[in-house]
Amino acid sequence: EITTRVKMREISDEEIEGYLSTGEPFGKAGSYAIQGIGIFMIEGISGSYTNVVGLPLCALIQSLRSAGALREFPFRD
């Protein structure tokens, strides 16, 4: 199990409206993009950053290597 905690600061109604007006939060899990404008709301993060933006890559690569599905990383041509 991979756990990531994201601590968000208190934001004003004006900030919420401004963020919504950017269009960024639509179609996002949690309605914010930590890798985009939404970073202004983040006070701290504990755990895997890549878990927040998609997949926990460190754990995924370790699992693939353990299963023998990935022999070499980084990949080479």
C-alpha atoms as a PDB file:
ATOM      1  CA  GLU A   1       0.000   0.000   0.000  1.00  0.00           C
ATOM      2  CA  ILE A   2       1.294   3.421  -0.957  1.00  0.00           C
ATOM      3  CA  THR A   3       0.084   6.342   1.131  1.00  0.00           C
ATOM      4  CA  THR A   4       0.641   9.993   0.347  1.00  0.00           C
ATOM      5  CA  ARG A   5      -0.669  12.803   2.513  1.00  0.00           C
ATOM      6  CA  VAL A   6      -1.194  16.236   1.041  1.00  0.00           C
ATOM      7  CA  LYS A   7      -1.783  19.103   3.461  1.00  0.00           C
ATOM      8  CA  MET A   8      -3.721  21.950   1.943  1.00  0.00           C
ATOM      9  CA  ARG A   9      -3.798  25.405   3.450  1.00  0.00           C
ATOM     10  CA  GLU A  10      -7.000  27.302   4.101  1.00  0.00           C
ATOM     11  CA  ILE A  11      -7.989  29.212   0.997  1.00  0.00           C
ATOM     12  CA  SER A  12     -10.436  32.058   0.597  1.00  0.00           C
ATOM     13  CA  ASP A  13     -13.599  32.010  -1.486  1.00  0.00           C
ATOM     14  CA  GLU A  14     -11.892  34.493  -3.801  1.00  0.00           C
ATOM     15  CA  GLU A  15      -8.948  32.115  -4.313  1.00  0.00           C
ATOM     16  CA  ILE A  16     -11.342  29.220  -4.980  1.00  0.00           C
ATOM     17  CA  GLU A  17     -13.240  31.257  -7.565  1.00  0.00           C
ATOM     18  CA  GLY A  18      -9.991  32.369  -9.166  1.00  0.00           C
ATOM     19  CA  TYR A  19      -8.715  28.811  -9.366  1.00  0.00           C
ATOM     20  CA  LEU A  20     -11.993  27.565 -10.813  1.00  0.00           C
ATOM     21  CA  SER A  21     -11.837  30.286 -13.457  1.00  0.00           C
ATOM     22  CA  THR A  22      -8.553  28.835 -14.754  1.00  0.00           C
ATOM     23  CA  GLY A  23     -10.356  25.621 -15.734  1.00  0.00           C
ATOM     24  CA  GLU A  24      -7.495  23.573 -14.305  1.00  0.00           C
ATOM     25  CA  PRO A  25      -9.423  21.713 -11.590  1.00  0.00           C
ATOM     26  CA  PHE A  26     -11.962  20.168 -13.962  1.00  0.00           C
ATOM     27  CA  GLY A  27     -11.327  16.532 -14.818  1.00  0.00           C
ATOM     28  CA  LYS A  28      -8.777  16.152 -12.016  1.00  0.00           C
ATOM     29  CA  ALA A  29      -8.969  13.673  -9.163  1.00  0.00           C
ATOM     30  CA  GLY A  30      -9.397  15.806  -6.069  1.00  0.00           C
ATOM     31  CA  SER A  31     -10.198  18.800  -8.315  1.00  0.00           C
ATOM     32  CA  TYR A  32      -6.696  20.232  -8.204  1.00  0.00           C
ATOM     33  CA  ALA A  33      -3.423  19.810 -10.055  1.00  0.00           C
ATOM     34  CA  ILE A  34      -0.421  19.773  -7.719  1.00  0.00           C
ATOM     35  CA  GLN A  35       1.836  19.948 -10.786  1.00  0.00           C
ATOM     36  CA  GLY A  36       0.101  23.082 -12.027  1.00  0.00           C
ATOM     37  CA  ILE A  37      -1.485  26.227 -10.664  1.00  0.00           C
ATOM     38  CA  GLY A  38      -3.039  24.196  -7.826  1.00  0.00           C
ATOM     39  CA  ILE A  39       0.347  24.089  -6.077  1.00  0.00           C
ATOM     40  CA  PHE A  40      -0.570  27.419  -4.448  1.00  0.00           C
ATOM     41  CA  MET A  41      -2.932  25.519  -2.121  1.00  0.00           C
ATOM     42  CA  ILE A  42      -0.402  22.938  -0.960  1.00  0.00           C
ATOM     43  CA  GLU A  43       1.206  23.490   2.411  1.00  0.00           C
ATOM     44  CA  GLY A  44       3.078  20.202   2.478  1.00  0.00           C
ATOM     45  CA  ILE A  45       3.323  16.657   1.170  1.00  0.00           C
ATOM     46  CA  SER A  46       4.369  13.466   2.898  1.00  0.00           C
ATOM     47  CA  GLY A  47       4.985  10.440   0.732  1.00  0.00           C
ATOM     48  CA  SER A  48       5.216   9.925  -2.995  1.00  0.00           C
ATOM     49  CA  TYR A  49       4.781  13.019  -5.172  1.00  0.00           C
ATOM     50  CA  THR A  50       4.315  10.819  -8.243  1.00  0.00           C
ATOM     51  CA  ASN A  51       1.449   9.058  -6.451  1.00  0.00           C
ATOM     52  CA  VAL A  52      -0.380  12.401  -6.364  1.00  0.00           C
ATOM     53  CA  VAL A  53       0.134  13.140 -10.061  1.00  0.00           C
ATOM     54  CA  GLY A  54      -0.472   9.617 -11.374  1.00  0.00           C
ATOM     55  CA  LEU A  55       1.362   6.495 -10.270  1.00  0.00           C
ATOM     56  CA  PRO A  56       3.833   5.933  -7.432  1.00  0.00           C
ATOM     57  CA  LEU A  57       6.704   5.374  -9.859  1.00  0.00           C
ATOM     58  CA  CYS A  58       9.355   4.341  -7.344  1.00  0.00           C
ATOM     59  CA  ALA A  59       7.138   1.561  -5.973  1.00  0.00           C
ATOM     60  CA  LEU A  60       5.954   0.581  -9.463  1.00  0.00           C
ATOM     61  CA  ILE A  61       9.502   0.178 -10.786  1.00  0.00           C
ATOM     62  CA  GLN A  62      10.519  -1.848  -7.732  1.00  0.00           C
ATOM     63  CA  SER A  63       7.485  -4.120  -8.165  1.00  0.00           C
ATOM     64  CA  LEU A  64       8.183  -4.633 -11.870  1.00  0.00           C
ATOM     65  CA  ARG A  65      11.830  -5.456 -11.170  1.00  0.00           C
ATOM     66  CA  SER A  66      10.846  -7.882  -8.384  1.00  0.00           C
ATOM     67  CA  ALA A  67       8.416  -9.629 -10.727  1.00  0.00           C
ATOM     68  CA  GLY A  68      11.061  -9.889 -13.453  1.00  0.00           C
ATOM     69  CA  ALA A  69       8.985  -7.715 -15.793  1.00  0.00           C
ATOM     70  CA  LEU A  70      11.651  -5.026 -15.879  1.00  0.00           C
ATOM     71  CA  ARG A  71      15.277  -6.034 -16.093  1.00  0.00           C
ATOM     72  CA  GLU A  72      16.949  -2.706 -16.558  1.00  0.00           C
ATOM     73  CA  PHE A  73      16.086   0.817 -15.504  1.00  0.00           C
ATOM     74  CA  PRO A  74      16.556   3.371 -16.818  1.00  0.00           C
ATOM     75  CA  PHE A  75      15.800   1.911 -20.212  1.00  0.00           C
ATOM     76  CA  ARG A  76      18.478   1.912 -22.852  1.00  0.00           C
ATOM     77  CA  ASP A  77      18.158   1.744 -26.630  1.00  0.00           C
END
